[in-house]
Amino acid sequence: MTRINKDTISSEDLLKQIVEMLINQGPDALMDMFQMLFNYSMRLERDAFLKAKPWQRND
């Protein structure tokens, strides 16, 4: 499985990695792809809720 730094990856980089995984691994990469997309969407939702990026404090 491809590991990504979830705090610094951009949406463009994520999509590039997913496409590369699908090209190289075919349907076997679907589970990893959905996991990466789900984790990324949860991070975006967390950032929006807290109104802060992972490296920022929100008091």
C-alpha atoms as a PDB file:
ATOM      1  CA  MET A   1       0.000   0.000   0.000  1.00  0.00           C
ATOM      2  CA  THR A   2       1.204   3.503  -0.787  1.00  0.00           C
ATOM      3  CA  ARG A   3       1.786   5.644   2.290  1.00  0.00           C
ATOM      4  CA  ILE A   4       1.214   9.380   2.206  1.00  0.00           C
ATOM      5  CA  ASN A   5       1.916  12.184   4.602  1.00  0.00           C
ATOM      6  CA  LYS A   6      -1.695  13.028   5.392  1.00  0.00           C
ATOM      7  CA  ASP A   7      -0.902  16.466   6.819  1.00  0.00           C
ATOM      8  CA  THR A   8       0.862  17.920   3.793  1.00  0.00           C
ATOM      9  CA  ILE A   9      -0.491  16.240   0.671  1.00  0.00           C
ATOM     10  CA  SER A  10      -2.504  18.349  -1.750  1.00  0.00           C
ATOM     11  CA  SER A  11      -5.569  17.156  -3.575  1.00  0.00           C
ATOM     12  CA  GLU A  12      -3.642  17.169  -6.865  1.00  0.00           C
ATOM     13  CA  ASP A  13      -0.892  14.976  -5.400  1.00  0.00           C
ATOM     14  CA  LEU A  14      -3.473  12.630  -3.936  1.00  0.00           C
ATOM     15  CA  LEU A  15      -5.205  12.222  -7.292  1.00  0.00           C
ATOM     16  CA  LYS A  16      -1.875  11.621  -9.036  1.00  0.00           C
ATOM     17  CA  GLN A  17      -1.011   8.887  -6.525  1.00  0.00           C
ATOM     18  CA  ILE A  18      -4.422   7.272  -6.904  1.00  0.00           C
ATOM     19  CA  VAL A  19      -4.208   7.246 -10.698  1.00  0.00           C
ATOM     20  CA  GLU A  20      -0.693   5.817 -10.511  1.00  0.00           C
ATOM     21  CA  MET A  21      -1.886   3.091  -8.126  1.00  0.00           C
ATOM     22  CA  LEU A  22      -4.774   2.176 -10.414  1.00  0.00           C
ATOM     23  CA  ILE A  23      -2.494   2.028 -13.452  1.00  0.00           C
ATOM     24  CA  ASN A  24       0.138  -0.087 -11.704  1.00  0.00           C
ATOM     25  CA  GLN A  25      -2.079  -2.347  -9.585  1.00  0.00           C
ATOM     26  CA  GLY A  26      -5.416  -2.324 -11.397  1.00  0.00           C
ATOM     27  CA  PRO A  27      -8.523  -3.322  -9.442  1.00  0.00           C
ATOM     28  CA  ASP A  28      -6.366  -4.558  -6.550  1.00  0.00           C
ATOM     29  CA  ALA A  29      -5.739  -0.910  -5.638  1.00  0.00           C
ATOM     30  CA  LEU A  30      -9.408  -0.034  -5.107  1.00  0.00           C
ATOM     31  CA  MET A  31      -9.432  -0.676  -1.364  1.00  0.00           C
ATOM     32  CA  ASP A  32      -6.312   1.451  -0.846  1.00  0.00           C
ATOM     33  CA  MET A  33      -7.726   4.144  -3.120  1.00  0.00           C
ATOM     34  CA  PHE A  34     -10.960   4.401  -1.134  1.00  0.00           C
ATOM     35  CA  GLN A  35      -9.023   4.456   2.125  1.00  0.00           C
ATOM     36  CA  MET A  36      -6.836   7.328   0.880  1.00  0.00           C
ATOM     37  CA  LEU A  37      -9.863   9.297  -0.347  1.00  0.00           C
ATOM     38  CA  PHE A  38     -11.803   8.705   2.870  1.00  0.00           C
ATOM     39  CA  ASN A  39      -8.868   9.768   5.053  1.00  0.00           C
ATOM     40  CA  TYR A  40      -8.328  12.885   2.949  1.00  0.00           C
ATOM     41  CA  SER A  41     -11.997  13.852   3.107  1.00  0.00           C
ATOM     42  CA  MET A  42     -12.039  13.393   6.895  1.00  0.00           C
ATOM     43  CA  ARG A  43      -8.980  15.651   7.167  1.00  0.00           C
ATOM     44  CA  LEU A  44     -10.724  18.347   5.109  1.00  0.00           C
ATOM     45  CA  GLU A  45     -13.832  18.056   7.269  1.00  0.00           C
ATOM     46  CA  ARG A  46     -11.749  18.273  10.465  1.00  0.00           C
ATOM     47  CA  ASP A  47      -9.907  21.358   9.195  1.00  0.00           C
ATOM     48  CA  ALA A  48     -13.197  23.039   8.279  1.00  0.00           C
ATOM     49  CA  PHE A  49     -14.787  22.221  11.636  1.00  0.00           C
ATOM     50  CA  LEU A  50     -11.806  23.401  13.697  1.00  0.00           C
ATOM     51  CA  LYS A  51     -11.112  26.324  11.363  1.00  0.00           C
ATOM     52  CA  ALA A  52      -7.420  25.477  11.704  1.00  0.00           C
ATOM     53  CA  LYS A  53      -4.817  23.509   9.815  1.00  0.00           C
ATOM     54  CA  PRO A  54      -3.047  20.592  11.573  1.00  0.00           C
ATOM     55  CA  TRP A  55      -0.049  22.764  12.484  1.00  0.00           C
ATOM     56  CA  GLN A  56      -2.183  25.591  13.909  1.00  0.00           C
ATOM     57  CA  ARG A  57      -3.676  25.907  17.348  1.00  0.00           C
ATOM     58  CA  ASN A  58      -7.306  26.710  17.850  1.00  0.00           C
ATOM     59  CA  ASP A  59      -8.051  27.958  21.356  1.00  0.00           C
END
